[in-house]
Amino acid sequence: MKNFAMPQSAALLLEGGSLRGLYTAGALDTLMEEDLYFPAVAGVSAGALNGVNYVAHELGRSASINLRYRKDPRYFGPMAAFNGGSLFGLNFMLRDIPQMVPFDSETFYHGGQRMVAVATCLQTGKAAYFEKGKTDFDFLDAVRASASLPLVSVPVHIGKFSYLDGGCSCPIPLEWAQTEGFAKIVIITTRHKGFRKTMPGQRMINLYDDFYGDKTLFLATLLTQEVRYNALMDQIDALEEAGKIFVLRPAQPIEIGRFEKNTERLLDLYNRGRREMRDQLDALQTYLEA
C-alpha cells in the first residue's frame, strides 16, 4: 500500500472467537508489516487481546504467545483457572508473559491510537466499552474481563460491577463505531461469510441458569445472544453490500476447536489470516480512500 494516508476517522473492529483469533493475529501482522495503523481499535474477547498487541505495534507477538504457550498449563487448563480465575490463564498472559516476551507499553499507552475493550456487565446484561486512557483502573483489567468466557471464568470485578466476555452482549462493536461517528469502519471477523449461530440446546440453557440464574439480566443476554448475533451479521452483510463498511472474513470456515491443541493447525490459521489480509490490501485501500 504505497502513498497511502490512513483517514483519521477510521475504526478497526475485532471479533472474538477464542483460538480462532489466530486468524485475526495474522491479519493484523500484515497490517503492521505495511505500517498501517487505524486511529481507533475496538476489540471483543480474543479480539481485545489481539488489539493490545496491534496498538503496541508488536508484530508477531500475538502468534508467538499463542503458539509458544498453548500447551503450558499456566496458559490453559485447571492450573490456569486456579491461579487466574479463567480456563485461559488471562493473568498469566497479561501480567506474567510480558516478563518473558517483551511488550512495548510506552507505545501502547502513549502511541496515539485509541483502544476500546468490550465486556458484558453481569448486573445489567449490557455491553461496557472501556477505553484506554479513560479509566481510573488498569486498562488491562478491562481486557481480561472482555476475554473471560462465561461458565469457565470467574467474573472480573471493576468498580461496583462484575464483568465477563464482551461477546455475550456485543460480538462486534459496530454500534459503538457508528455512535462515535467514524466515516470508515473495517471489521475483521473469525467466521466465514454466511455463518449464523444455532439456538442453544436445553442442556446449555440449564447450565446458564445454574450459573447465572441470580443475574437475571445477564442470563437474558446469554439466552438471546444467538438471535442478536445473527441479526448483527445480517446488518453487517447489508452495510458491506452497500459499500459502507469493509469486512475481512475467513475465505473458508475455520475448522478448529475453541480450545484447539494442535499448534500446526493454529499456525496454519495464523498464516491464512496473513495471506488473506494481504490479498485484500488493494481493496481495503480503495475503500479507505473513497
Protein backbone atom coordinates (compact mmCIF):
# COMPACT_ATOMS: atom_id res chain seq x y z
CA MET A 1 0.00 0.00 0.00
CA LYS A 2 2.10 2.87 -1.28
CA ASN A 3 1.41 6.59 -0.97
CA PHE A 4 -1.43 5.95 1.42
CA ALA A 5 -2.52 8.12 4.34
CA MET A 6 -4.83 6.48 6.87
CA PRO A 7 -8.04 8.53 7.32
CA GLN A 8 -8.30 9.94 10.83
CA SER A 9 -11.97 8.95 11.04
CA ALA A 10 -11.34 5.21 10.67
CA ALA A 11 -12.02 2.43 13.17
CA LEU A 12 -10.93 -1.20 13.20
CA LEU A 13 -13.29 -3.67 14.92
CA LEU A 14 -12.06 -7.11 16.01
CA GLU A 15 -14.37 -10.06 16.67
CA GLY A 16 -13.51 -12.62 19.34
CA GLY A 17 -13.62 -16.37 18.98
CA SER A 18 -11.05 -17.85 21.35
CA LEU A 19 -8.23 -19.51 19.38
CA ARG A 20 -9.90 -18.62 16.09
CA GLY A 21 -8.30 -15.28 16.93
CA LEU A 22 -5.08 -16.60 15.37
CA TYR A 23 -6.69 -15.63 12.06
CA THR A 24 -7.04 -12.06 13.33
CA ALA A 25 -3.46 -12.10 14.62
CA GLY A 26 -2.24 -12.94 11.13
CA ALA A 27 -4.34 -10.23 9.52
CA LEU A 28 -3.09 -7.63 11.99
CA ASP A 29 0.52 -8.64 11.41
CA THR A 30 0.04 -7.96 7.70
CA LEU A 31 -1.30 -4.50 8.54
CA MET A 32 1.70 -3.87 10.77
CA GLU A 33 4.08 -5.03 8.04
CA GLU A 34 2.50 -2.34 5.87
CA ASP A 35 2.81 0.21 8.69
CA LEU A 36 -0.96 0.55 8.56
CA TYR A 37 -2.39 1.59 11.92
CA PHE A 38 -6.00 2.58 12.47
CA PRO A 39 -6.60 5.62 14.72
CA ALA A 40 -9.13 3.63 16.76
CA VAL A 41 -9.37 -0.08 17.58
CA ALA A 42 -12.20 -1.82 19.41
CA GLY A 43 -11.88 -5.48 20.31
CA VAL A 44 -14.05 -8.13 21.90
CA SER A 45 -12.61 -11.06 23.86
CA ALA A 46 -9.75 -12.55 21.79
CA GLY A 47 -10.14 -9.51 19.57
CA ALA A 48 -9.24 -7.30 22.51
CA LEU A 49 -6.18 -9.43 23.28
CA ASN A 50 -5.06 -9.15 19.66
CA GLY A 51 -5.84 -5.45 19.65
CA VAL A 52 -3.48 -4.83 22.56
CA ASN A 53 -0.52 -6.14 20.57
CA TYR A 54 -1.58 -4.26 17.44
CA VAL A 55 -1.86 -0.95 19.31
CA ALA A 56 1.56 -1.63 20.87
CA HIS A 57 2.93 -2.22 17.33
CA GLU A 58 4.14 -5.65 18.43
CA LEU A 59 4.46 -7.50 15.13
CA GLY A 60 4.26 -11.28 15.64
CA ARG A 61 3.69 -11.14 19.38
CA SER A 62 0.12 -12.50 19.46
CA ALA A 63 1.01 -15.52 17.35
CA SER A 64 4.22 -16.13 19.27
CA ILE A 65 2.42 -16.23 22.62
CA ASN A 66 -0.40 -18.48 21.43
CA LEU A 67 1.91 -20.93 19.69
CA ARG A 68 4.62 -20.95 22.35
CA TYR A 69 2.38 -21.30 25.40
CA ARG A 70 -0.68 -23.19 24.14
CA LYS A 71 0.41 -26.40 25.91
CA ASP A 72 1.72 -24.62 29.00
CA PRO A 73 -0.57 -25.39 31.99
CA ARG A 74 -0.23 -21.77 33.11
CA TYR A 75 -1.79 -20.69 29.81
CA PHE A 76 -4.71 -23.11 29.63
CA GLY A 77 -6.31 -25.68 31.90
CA PRO A 78 -7.04 -26.31 35.59
CA MET A 79 -3.83 -24.66 36.81
CA ALA A 80 -4.60 -21.55 34.78
CA ALA A 81 -8.12 -21.47 36.22
CA PHE A 82 -6.88 -21.94 39.78
CA ASN A 83 -4.27 -19.20 39.52
CA GLY A 84 -6.13 -16.75 37.35
CA GLY A 85 -9.86 -17.42 37.57
CA SER A 86 -10.22 -18.48 33.94
CA LEU A 87 -9.66 -21.62 31.89
CA PHE A 88 -7.41 -19.45 29.77
CA GLY A 89 -4.71 -18.02 32.02
CA LEU A 90 -5.50 -14.36 31.42
CA ASN A 91 -3.48 -13.17 34.39
CA PHE A 92 -0.56 -15.21 33.08
CA MET A 93 -0.99 -13.74 29.59
CA LEU A 94 -1.37 -10.14 30.65
CA ARG A 95 0.84 -9.96 33.76
CA ASP A 96 3.47 -12.71 33.59
CA ILE A 97 4.21 -13.23 29.91
CA PRO A 98 5.38 -9.61 29.42
CA GLN A 99 8.29 -10.52 31.71
CA MET A 100 9.32 -13.16 29.16
CA VAL A 101 8.00 -11.77 25.86
CA PRO A 102 8.74 -8.02 25.77
CA PHE A 103 5.81 -5.66 25.42
CA ASP A 104 6.12 -2.03 24.35
CA SER A 105 3.89 -0.44 26.98
CA GLU A 106 5.09 3.06 26.05
CA THR A 107 3.76 2.71 22.51
CA PHE A 108 0.60 1.00 23.74
CA TYR A 109 -0.33 3.67 26.26
CA HIS A 110 1.10 6.76 24.54
CA GLY A 111 1.33 5.91 20.84
CA GLY A 112 -1.77 7.89 19.88
CA GLN A 113 -4.19 5.11 18.91
CA ARG A 114 -7.49 4.74 20.72
CA MET A 115 -8.22 1.27 22.11
CA VAL A 116 -11.54 0.01 23.43
CA ALA A 117 -12.19 -3.34 25.11
CA VAL A 118 -15.79 -4.53 25.28
CA ALA A 119 -17.05 -6.53 28.26
CA THR A 120 -20.50 -7.58 29.47
CA CYS A 121 -21.80 -6.40 32.85
CA LEU A 122 -23.36 -9.17 34.93
CA GLN A 123 -25.62 -6.76 36.80
CA THR A 124 -27.14 -5.09 33.71
CA GLY A 125 -26.53 -7.61 30.94
CA LYS A 126 -25.31 -4.72 28.78
CA ALA A 127 -22.06 -4.08 26.93
CA ALA A 128 -19.48 -1.86 28.62
CA TYR A 129 -16.97 -0.02 26.44
CA PHE A 130 -13.74 0.60 28.33
CA GLU A 131 -11.28 2.93 26.62
CA LYS A 132 -7.55 3.05 27.21
CA GLY A 133 -6.55 6.26 28.98
CA LYS A 134 -10.10 6.97 30.10
CA THR A 135 -10.41 4.55 33.02
CA ASP A 136 -9.46 5.03 36.67
CA PHE A 137 -8.16 1.45 36.83
CA ASP A 138 -5.62 -0.61 34.90
CA PHE A 139 -6.97 -0.92 31.37
CA LEU A 140 -5.66 -4.48 31.14
CA ASP A 141 -8.31 -5.45 33.70
CA ALA A 142 -10.89 -4.44 31.09
CA VAL A 143 -9.12 -6.60 28.51
CA ARG A 144 -9.15 -9.50 30.98
CA ALA A 145 -12.87 -9.00 31.58
CA SER A 146 -13.53 -8.84 27.85
CA ALA A 147 -11.86 -12.23 27.33
CA SER A 148 -13.30 -14.04 30.39
CA LEU A 149 -15.55 -16.69 28.91
CA PRO A 150 -18.78 -17.49 30.76
CA LEU A 151 -19.06 -20.83 32.58
CA VAL A 152 -15.25 -21.27 32.70
CA SER A 153 -14.20 -17.92 34.21
CA VAL A 154 -14.64 -16.05 37.46
CA PRO A 155 -16.19 -12.63 36.79
CA VAL A 156 -13.76 -9.69 36.82
CA HIS A 157 -14.71 -7.02 39.33
CA ILE A 158 -14.25 -3.44 38.20
CA GLY A 159 -15.61 -0.77 40.48
CA LYS A 160 -19.09 -1.66 41.71
CA PHE A 161 -19.79 -4.18 38.96
CA SER A 162 -18.56 -7.51 37.64
CA TYR A 163 -17.92 -8.44 34.02
CA LEU A 164 -17.45 -11.34 31.64
CA ASP A 165 -16.88 -11.88 27.92
CA GLY A 166 -17.88 -8.93 25.76
CA GLY A 167 -19.13 -11.27 23.07
CA CYS A 168 -22.15 -12.17 25.20
CA SER A 169 -23.65 -8.73 24.62
CA CYS A 170 -21.65 -7.30 21.72
CA PRO A 171 -19.85 -9.72 19.39
CA ILE A 172 -18.69 -6.88 17.13
CA PRO A 173 -18.85 -3.25 18.38
CA LEU A 174 -20.45 -1.87 15.22
CA GLU A 175 -22.99 0.24 17.13
CA TRP A 176 -20.16 1.83 19.14
CA ALA A 177 -18.29 2.77 15.95
CA GLN A 178 -21.44 4.21 14.38
CA THR A 179 -22.28 6.20 17.51
CA GLU A 180 -18.72 7.55 17.59
CA GLY A 181 -19.26 8.81 14.06
CA PHE A 182 -16.43 7.04 12.23
CA ALA A 183 -16.60 7.60 8.50
CA LYS A 184 -14.72 4.38 7.72
CA ILE A 185 -15.33 1.12 9.58
CA VAL A 186 -13.27 -2.02 8.98
CA ILE A 187 -14.18 -5.33 10.62
CA ILE A 188 -12.12 -8.49 10.98
CA THR A 189 -14.29 -11.49 11.79
CA THR A 190 -13.37 -15.04 12.74
CA ARG A 191 -16.33 -16.61 10.97
CA HIS A 192 -16.85 -17.06 7.23
CA LYS A 193 -19.46 -15.14 5.25
CA GLY A 194 -22.93 -16.56 5.76
CA PHE A 195 -22.21 -18.12 9.14
CA ARG A 196 -25.12 -17.96 11.56
CA LYS A 197 -25.41 -19.38 15.08
CA THR A 198 -27.93 -22.03 16.07
CA MET A 199 -30.01 -21.70 19.21
CA PRO A 200 -28.64 -23.35 22.37
CA GLY A 201 -29.92 -26.74 23.42
CA GLN A 202 -31.69 -27.39 26.71
CA ARG A 203 -28.51 -28.62 28.36
CA MET A 204 -26.75 -25.32 27.70
CA ILE A 205 -29.80 -23.35 28.82
CA ASN A 206 -29.79 -25.32 32.08
CA LEU A 207 -26.07 -24.63 32.57
CA TYR A 208 -26.58 -20.91 32.05
CA ASP A 209 -29.45 -20.98 34.53
CA ASP A 210 -27.42 -22.91 37.11
CA PHE A 211 -24.52 -20.48 36.90
CA TYR A 212 -26.30 -17.16 36.37
CA GLY A 213 -29.91 -17.65 37.47
CA ASP A 214 -29.46 -14.95 40.10
CA LYS A 215 -28.22 -12.50 37.44
CA THR A 216 -31.47 -12.28 35.52
CA LEU A 217 -30.45 -9.53 33.08
CA PHE A 218 -27.16 -11.25 32.24
CA LEU A 219 -28.99 -14.57 31.87
CA ALA A 220 -31.40 -12.95 29.43
CA THR A 221 -28.43 -11.65 27.44
CA LEU A 222 -26.92 -15.14 27.28
CA LEU A 223 -30.18 -16.71 26.18
CA THR A 224 -30.66 -14.23 23.34
CA GLN A 225 -27.09 -13.94 22.09
CA GLU A 226 -27.58 -16.20 19.05
CA VAL A 227 -30.58 -14.20 17.83
CA ARG A 228 -28.72 -10.92 18.30
CA TYR A 229 -25.56 -12.27 16.66
CA ASN A 230 -27.46 -13.39 13.58
CA ALA A 231 -29.26 -10.05 13.29
CA LEU A 232 -25.92 -8.26 13.56
CA MET A 233 -24.47 -10.41 10.78
CA ASP A 234 -27.46 -9.54 8.59
CA GLN A 235 -26.80 -5.86 9.27
CA ILE A 236 -23.08 -6.20 8.52
CA ASP A 237 -23.80 -8.03 5.27
CA ALA A 238 -26.15 -5.25 4.17
CA LEU A 239 -23.71 -2.47 5.05
CA GLU A 240 -20.89 -4.31 3.28
CA GLU A 241 -23.02 -4.81 0.19
CA ALA A 242 -23.75 -1.06 0.18
CA GLY A 243 -20.04 -0.26 0.41
CA LYS A 244 -20.43 1.47 3.78
CA ILE A 245 -18.08 -0.83 5.69
CA PHE A 246 -15.21 -3.16 4.82
CA VAL A 247 -15.13 -6.71 6.18
CA LEU A 248 -12.30 -9.24 6.17
CA ARG A 249 -13.63 -12.73 6.81
CA PRO A 250 -12.02 -16.17 6.56
CA ALA A 251 -12.49 -17.28 2.97
CA GLN A 252 -13.34 -20.77 4.21
CA PRO A 253 -14.80 -21.95 7.54
CA ILE A 254 -12.26 -22.17 10.35
CA GLU A 255 -12.13 -25.84 11.28
CA ILE A 256 -10.52 -25.71 14.70
CA GLY A 257 -11.95 -26.20 18.15
CA ARG A 258 -12.49 -23.36 20.59
CA PHE A 259 -9.70 -24.89 22.71
CA GLU A 260 -7.60 -26.29 19.84
CA LYS A 261 -4.40 -28.06 20.96
CA ASN A 262 -2.78 -28.73 17.59
CA THR A 263 -0.23 -25.94 17.15
CA GLU A 264 0.31 -26.83 13.48
CA ARG A 265 -3.34 -26.11 12.80
CA LEU A 266 -3.07 -22.87 14.77
CA LEU A 267 -0.01 -21.82 12.78
CA ASP A 268 -1.84 -22.60 9.55
CA LEU A 269 -4.75 -20.44 10.68
CA TYR A 270 -2.39 -17.58 11.52
CA ASN A 271 -0.82 -17.82 8.06
CA ARG A 272 -4.29 -17.83 6.49
CA GLY A 273 -5.04 -14.54 8.20
CA ARG A 274 -1.79 -13.03 6.98
CA ARG A 275 -2.34 -14.23 3.44
CA GLU A 276 -5.99 -13.28 3.15
CA MET A 277 -5.40 -9.78 4.50
CA ARG A 278 -2.56 -9.31 2.03
CA ASP A 279 -4.85 -10.42 -0.79
CA GLN A 280 -7.35 -7.74 0.28
CA LEU A 281 -4.94 -4.81 0.77
CA ASP A 282 -5.76 -3.15 -2.53
CA ALA A 283 -9.49 -3.44 -1.89
CA LEU A 284 -9.00 -2.10 1.62
CA GLN A 285 -7.05 0.89 0.33
CA THR A 286 -9.76 1.60 -2.24
CA TYR A 287 -12.42 1.58 0.48
CA LEU A 288 -10.44 3.81 2.84
CA GLU A 289 -9.61 6.33 0.12
CA ALA A 290 -13.15 6.59 -1.27
